[in-house]
Amino acid sequence: MTTPPADPAQPEQAQPEPGQPGPAKRRPTLDEIFGDVLPDTTTDERDPTPPATTDDWYHQNRPPHHGG
């Protein structure tokens, strides 16, 4: 039996001897680790959504000691 010829596109990888470190592994990129953290558009490019009323935020964040 004969072995097929080596594919020139596939470099032959030598096996490390026992007790020796193997070939260096490729480190992942930042995008592979953290993903795409930036949005596609920035807030100044988006349509602004006006609040229902200007006092809504104050009513939602009213301290309990102010009653009402």
C-alpha atoms as a PDB file:
ATOM      1  CA  MET A   1       0.000   0.000   0.000  1.00  0.00           C
ATOM      2  CA  THR A   2       1.231   3.457  -0.791  1.00  0.00           C
ATOM      3  CA  THR A   3       0.262   6.697   0.871  1.00  0.00           C
ATOM      4  CA  PRO A   4      -1.248   9.467  -1.241  1.00  0.00           C
ATOM      5  CA  PRO A   5       1.037  12.401  -2.052  1.00  0.00           C
ATOM      6  CA  ALA A   6       0.997  15.274   0.411  1.00  0.00           C
ATOM      7  CA  ASP A   7      -1.323  18.161  -0.405  1.00  0.00           C
ATOM      8  CA  PRO A   8       0.840  21.284  -0.940  1.00  0.00           C
ATOM      9  CA  ALA A   9      -1.984  23.490   0.365  1.00  0.00           C
ATOM     10  CA  GLN A  10      -1.935  21.637   3.693  1.00  0.00           C
ATOM     11  CA  PRO A  11       1.425  22.090   5.466  1.00  0.00           C
ATOM     12  CA  GLU A  12       2.596  18.981   7.201  1.00  0.00           C
ATOM     13  CA  GLN A  13       2.512  19.316  10.973  1.00  0.00           C
ATOM     14  CA  ALA A  14       5.249  17.610  12.899  1.00  0.00           C
ATOM     15  CA  GLN A  15       4.243  15.795  16.049  1.00  0.00           C
ATOM     16  CA  PRO A  16       6.116  17.079  19.120  1.00  0.00           C
ATOM     17  CA  GLU A  17       8.203  14.609  21.043  1.00  0.00           C
ATOM     18  CA  PRO A  18       6.808  13.522  24.401  1.00  0.00           C
ATOM     19  CA  GLY A  19       7.658  16.052  27.098  1.00  0.00           C
ATOM     20  CA  GLN A  20       8.119  18.868  24.579  1.00  0.00           C
ATOM     21  CA  PRO A  21       5.661  21.770  24.184  1.00  0.00           C
ATOM     22  CA  GLY A  22       3.378  21.550  21.154  1.00  0.00           C
ATOM     23  CA  PRO A  23       2.997  24.095  18.412  1.00  0.00           C
ATOM     24  CA  ALA A  24       1.752  27.528  19.439  1.00  0.00           C
ATOM     25  CA  LYS A  25      -2.001  27.875  19.294  1.00  0.00           C
ATOM     26  CA  ARG A  26      -3.651  30.862  17.652  1.00  0.00           C
ATOM     27  CA  ARG A  27      -4.888  33.389  20.193  1.00  0.00           C
ATOM     28  CA  PRO A  28      -8.490  34.594  19.773  1.00  0.00           C
ATOM     29  CA  THR A  29      -9.042  38.175  18.716  1.00  0.00           C
ATOM     30  CA  LEU A  30     -10.795  40.737  20.905  1.00  0.00           C
ATOM     31  CA  ASP A  31     -13.895  40.546  18.691  1.00  0.00           C
ATOM     32  CA  GLU A  32     -14.031  36.776  19.165  1.00  0.00           C
ATOM     33  CA  ILE A  33     -13.883  37.200  22.944  1.00  0.00           C
ATOM     34  CA  PHE A  34     -16.062  40.236  23.555  1.00  0.00           C
ATOM     35  CA  GLY A  35     -18.154  40.379  20.394  1.00  0.00           C
ATOM     36  CA  ASP A  36     -19.321  43.573  18.752  1.00  0.00           C
ATOM     37  CA  VAL A  37     -19.840  45.904  21.693  1.00  0.00           C
ATOM     38  CA  LEU A  38     -20.403  49.102  19.744  1.00  0.00           C
ATOM     39  CA  PRO A  39     -23.831  49.780  18.238  1.00  0.00           C
ATOM     40  CA  ASP A  40     -24.212  50.242  14.495  1.00  0.00           C
ATOM     41  CA  THR A  41     -25.526  53.776  14.987  1.00  0.00           C
ATOM     42  CA  THR A  42     -24.821  56.374  17.621  1.00  0.00           C
ATOM     43  CA  THR A  43     -27.475  58.216  19.628  1.00  0.00           C
ATOM     44  CA  ASP A  44     -27.109  61.358  17.549  1.00  0.00           C
ATOM     45  CA  GLU A  45     -27.876  59.363  14.380  1.00  0.00           C
ATOM     46  CA  ARG A  46     -31.108  57.856  15.746  1.00  0.00           C
ATOM     47  CA  ASP A  47     -34.514  59.488  15.814  1.00  0.00           C
ATOM     48  CA  PRO A  48     -35.042  61.012  19.241  1.00  0.00           C
ATOM     49  CA  THR A  49     -38.079  59.761  21.116  1.00  0.00           C
ATOM     50  CA  PRO A  50     -39.578  62.573  23.156  1.00  0.00           C
ATOM     51  CA  PRO A  51     -40.586  61.738  26.727  1.00  0.00           C
ATOM     52  CA  ALA A  52     -44.332  61.530  27.449  1.00  0.00           C
ATOM     53  CA  THR A  53     -44.113  64.545  29.782  1.00  0.00           C
ATOM     54  CA  THR A  54     -41.177  66.372  31.269  1.00  0.00           C
ATOM     55  CA  ASP A  55     -42.264  65.473  34.819  1.00  0.00           C
ATOM     56  CA  ASP A  56     -42.451  61.677  34.300  1.00  0.00           C
ATOM     57  CA  TRP A  57     -38.836  61.133  35.313  1.00  0.00           C
ATOM     58  CA  TYR A  58     -39.325  63.140  38.518  1.00  0.00           C
ATOM     59  CA  HIS A  59     -42.486  61.201  39.435  1.00  0.00           C
ATOM     60  CA  GLN A  60     -40.794  57.828  38.789  1.00  0.00           C
ATOM     61  CA  ASN A  61     -37.736  58.784  40.865  1.00  0.00           C
ATOM     62  CA  ARG A  62     -39.576  60.584  43.694  1.00  0.00           C
ATOM     63  CA  PRO A  63     -38.068  59.805  47.095  1.00  0.00           C
ATOM     64  CA  PRO A  64     -40.491  57.951  49.409  1.00  0.00           C
ATOM     65  CA  HIS A  65     -40.321  60.651  52.094  1.00  0.00           C
ATOM     66  CA  HIS A  66     -41.911  63.173  49.700  1.00  0.00           C
ATOM     67  CA  GLY A  67     -45.282  61.358  49.780  1.00  0.00           C
ATOM     68  CA  GLY A  68     -47.922  61.560  47.128  1.00  0.00           C
END
